[in-house]
């Protein structure tokens, strides 16, 4: 990469149509994105839905770290394309989805725009984000919220269980 490199941490989630396969596919698509290099992939975790309809299935969640040669907005566009390729439909807030990719942090950038807030505004309070993120980046600081490892100590791991090891399909 010749442009300035940035590191982004992303949260991945799916609870429809073979969730682990969607997470694996997203990791592969991110790694294949021109100007991107996969640095770390967490284990996959099973979690109950937070908010949204009560009758939706459990989520498969993971986090990744990726080095990119482009900015946060371009990464947002790339992740939205990957979501669309996996059949993502945005109709119910916090509802079931084939794939959700959230940008949790991008370098140490702090931004509060209507379409992109960094660090992610709710990452610091969600075990389903903090458990996999602590696996790959325990020392990462999420802005004013603090270090991931410290946040996980406060939030706890209740309700976050291993899904499978590695790339296994569920």
Protein backbone atom coordinates (compact mmCIF):
# COMPACT_ATOMS: atom_id res chain seq x y z
CA UNK A 1 0.00 0.00 0.00
CA UNK A 2 1.42 3.37 -0.96
CA UNK A 3 -1.19 5.61 0.69
CA UNK A 4 -1.20 6.26 4.43
CA UNK A 5 -2.35 3.16 6.26
CA UNK A 6 -5.17 3.23 8.81
CA UNK A 7 -6.40 0.52 11.17
CA UNK A 8 -10.11 -0.08 11.64
CA UNK A 9 -11.90 -2.38 14.06
CA UNK A 10 -15.21 -3.78 12.85
CA UNK A 11 -18.00 -5.67 14.57
CA UNK A 12 -19.78 -8.35 12.51
CA UNK A 13 -23.18 -9.82 13.30
CA UNK A 14 -25.71 -12.13 11.66
CA UNK A 15 -28.77 -14.08 12.79
CA UNK A 16 -30.35 -15.26 9.54
CA UNK A 17 -29.66 -17.90 6.88
CA UNK A 18 -26.51 -19.55 8.28
CA UNK A 19 -25.08 -16.75 10.41
CA UNK A 20 -21.54 -18.14 10.72
CA UNK A 21 -21.35 -18.49 6.93
CA UNK A 22 -22.29 -14.82 6.53
CA UNK A 23 -19.64 -13.78 9.07
CA UNK A 24 -17.02 -15.94 7.32
CA UNK A 25 -18.05 -14.50 3.96
CA UNK A 26 -17.77 -10.96 5.28
CA UNK A 27 -14.26 -11.64 6.60
CA UNK A 28 -13.25 -13.05 3.22
CA UNK A 29 -14.81 -10.10 1.36
CA UNK A 30 -13.08 -7.58 3.61
CA UNK A 31 -9.73 -9.33 3.11
CA UNK A 32 -10.29 -9.28 -0.67
CA UNK A 33 -11.12 -5.55 -0.73
CA UNK A 34 -8.46 -3.66 -2.71
CA UNK A 35 -6.34 -1.61 -0.31
CA UNK A 36 -7.31 -3.72 2.71
CA UNK A 37 -5.30 -6.21 4.74
CA UNK A 38 -6.86 -8.40 7.43
CA UNK A 39 -4.88 -8.11 10.67
CA UNK A 40 -6.95 -10.14 13.14
CA UNK A 41 -10.18 -12.11 13.35
CA UNK A 42 -11.82 -13.02 16.65
CA UNK A 43 -13.59 -16.24 17.47
CA UNK A 44 -17.33 -16.38 16.74
CA UNK A 45 -19.79 -15.91 19.59
CA UNK A 46 -23.49 -16.71 20.10
CA UNK A 47 -25.51 -13.91 21.72
CA UNK A 48 -29.14 -13.10 22.35
CA UNK A 49 -30.54 -10.19 20.33
CA UNK A 50 -30.40 -6.77 22.01
CA UNK A 51 -33.46 -4.65 21.34
CA UNK A 52 -35.67 -5.20 18.32
CA UNK A 53 -38.29 -7.91 17.91
CA UNK A 54 -38.37 -10.44 20.76
CA UNK A 55 -38.84 -13.50 18.55
CA UNK A 56 -35.67 -13.25 16.46
CA UNK A 57 -32.95 -15.94 16.54
CA UNK A 58 -29.60 -15.69 18.34
CA UNK A 59 -26.79 -13.75 16.70
CA UNK A 60 -23.37 -14.90 15.60
CA UNK A 61 -20.91 -12.09 16.40
CA UNK A 62 -17.21 -11.51 15.74
CA UNK A 63 -14.75 -8.63 15.42
CA UNK A 64 -11.93 -7.99 12.99
CA UNK A 65 -9.03 -5.57 12.67
CA UNK A 66 -8.22 -4.45 9.15
CA UNK A 67 -5.50 -2.17 7.78
CA UNK A 68 -6.76 0.01 4.93
CA UNK A 69 -5.17 2.52 2.57
CA UNK A 70 -8.33 4.64 2.40
CA UNK A 71 -10.46 6.69 4.76
CA UNK A 72 -13.31 5.87 7.10
CA UNK A 73 -16.06 6.97 4.72
CA UNK A 74 -14.68 4.75 1.93
CA UNK A 75 -14.55 1.84 4.38
CA UNK A 76 -18.16 2.51 5.34
CA UNK A 77 -19.15 2.31 1.66
CA UNK A 78 -17.18 -0.94 1.25
CA UNK A 79 -18.83 -2.53 4.30
CA UNK A 80 -22.30 -1.51 3.12
CA UNK A 81 -21.61 -3.15 -0.25
CA UNK A 82 -20.59 -6.35 1.51
CA UNK A 83 -23.78 -6.24 3.60
CA UNK A 84 -25.85 -5.79 0.44
CA UNK A 85 -24.06 -8.70 -1.25
CA UNK A 86 -25.20 -10.83 1.70
CA UNK A 87 -28.83 -9.79 1.29
CA UNK A 88 -28.96 -7.15 4.04
CA UNK A 89 -32.33 -5.42 4.24
CA UNK A 90 -32.67 -2.38 6.51
CA UNK A 91 -36.33 -2.40 7.51
CA UNK A 92 -36.56 -3.05 11.28
CA UNK A 93 -34.23 -1.26 13.70
CA UNK A 94 -32.23 -3.88 15.61
CA UNK A 95 -34.19 -6.55 13.76
CA UNK A 96 -32.95 -9.80 12.26
CA UNK A 97 -30.36 -9.48 9.52
CA UNK A 98 -28.21 -11.59 7.27
CA UNK A 99 -25.20 -9.37 7.95
CA UNK A 100 -24.40 -6.26 9.94
CA UNK A 101 -20.94 -4.67 9.82
CA UNK A 102 -20.36 -1.87 12.31
CA UNK A 103 -17.27 0.31 12.29
CA UNK A 104 -16.27 0.33 15.95
CA UNK A 105 -13.14 2.48 15.65
CA UNK A 106 -10.91 3.88 12.92
CA UNK A 107 -7.43 4.78 14.16
CA UNK A 108 -8.13 7.20 17.00
CA UNK A 109 -10.60 9.22 14.91
CA UNK A 110 -13.46 10.83 16.77
CA UNK A 111 -16.38 11.78 14.53
CA UNK A 112 -20.06 12.51 15.05
CA UNK A 113 -21.78 12.62 11.66
CA UNK A 114 -25.34 11.46 10.90
CA UNK A 115 -24.06 8.45 8.93
CA UNK A 116 -20.86 7.64 10.87
CA UNK A 117 -20.06 8.11 14.55
CA UNK A 118 -16.63 7.03 15.78
CA UNK A 119 -15.96 5.34 18.00
CA UNK A 120 -19.25 3.47 17.70
CA UNK A 121 -21.62 5.11 20.20
CA UNK A 122 -22.86 1.88 21.84
CA UNK A 123 -19.80 -0.39 21.54
CA UNK A 124 -18.66 0.39 25.09
CA UNK A 125 -21.85 -1.03 26.62
CA UNK A 126 -22.33 -4.21 24.58
CA UNK A 127 -20.84 -7.52 25.65
CA UNK A 128 -21.42 -8.99 22.20
CA UNK A 129 -18.98 -6.36 20.85
CA UNK A 130 -16.53 -6.21 23.75
CA UNK A 131 -15.90 -9.96 24.15
CA UNK A 132 -14.67 -10.54 20.58
CA UNK A 133 -13.00 -7.11 20.44
CA UNK A 134 -11.07 -7.81 23.66
CA UNK A 135 -9.84 -11.04 22.09
CA UNK A 136 -8.09 -9.14 19.27
CA UNK A 137 -7.53 -5.64 20.75
CA UNK A 138 -7.73 -5.51 24.56
CA UNK A 139 -5.62 -2.33 24.75
CA UNK A 140 -7.66 -0.46 22.12
CA UNK A 141 -9.15 2.74 23.50
CA UNK A 142 -12.69 3.59 22.40
CA UNK A 143 -12.45 7.36 22.71
CA UNK A 144 -13.61 8.80 26.04
CA UNK A 145 -15.07 5.41 27.07
CA UNK A 146 -11.68 3.86 27.81
CA UNK A 147 -9.80 0.66 27.04
CA UNK A 148 -11.67 -2.35 25.70
CA UNK A 149 -10.37 -4.67 28.45
CA UNK A 150 -11.55 -2.27 31.16
CA UNK A 151 -14.92 -1.81 29.49
CA UNK A 152 -15.38 -5.59 29.31
CA UNK A 153 -14.59 -5.87 33.03
CA UNK A 154 -17.43 -3.43 33.70
CA UNK A 155 -19.97 -4.86 31.24
CA UNK A 156 -19.15 -8.54 31.75
CA UNK A 157 -19.48 -11.56 29.50
CA UNK A 158 -22.97 -12.73 30.51
CA UNK A 159 -24.90 -14.08 27.54
CA UNK A 160 -21.87 -14.28 25.25
CA UNK A 161 -21.02 -17.91 24.46
CA UNK A 162 -18.63 -19.49 21.95
CA UNK A 163 -20.38 -20.20 18.63
CA UNK A 164 -17.77 -22.36 16.92
CA UNK A 165 -14.04 -22.33 16.46
CA UNK A 166 -12.62 -20.64 13.40
CA UNK A 167 -14.53 -20.82 10.16
CA UNK A 168 -17.00 -23.61 10.92
CA UNK A 169 -20.41 -23.17 9.37
CA UNK A 170 -23.46 -23.31 11.61
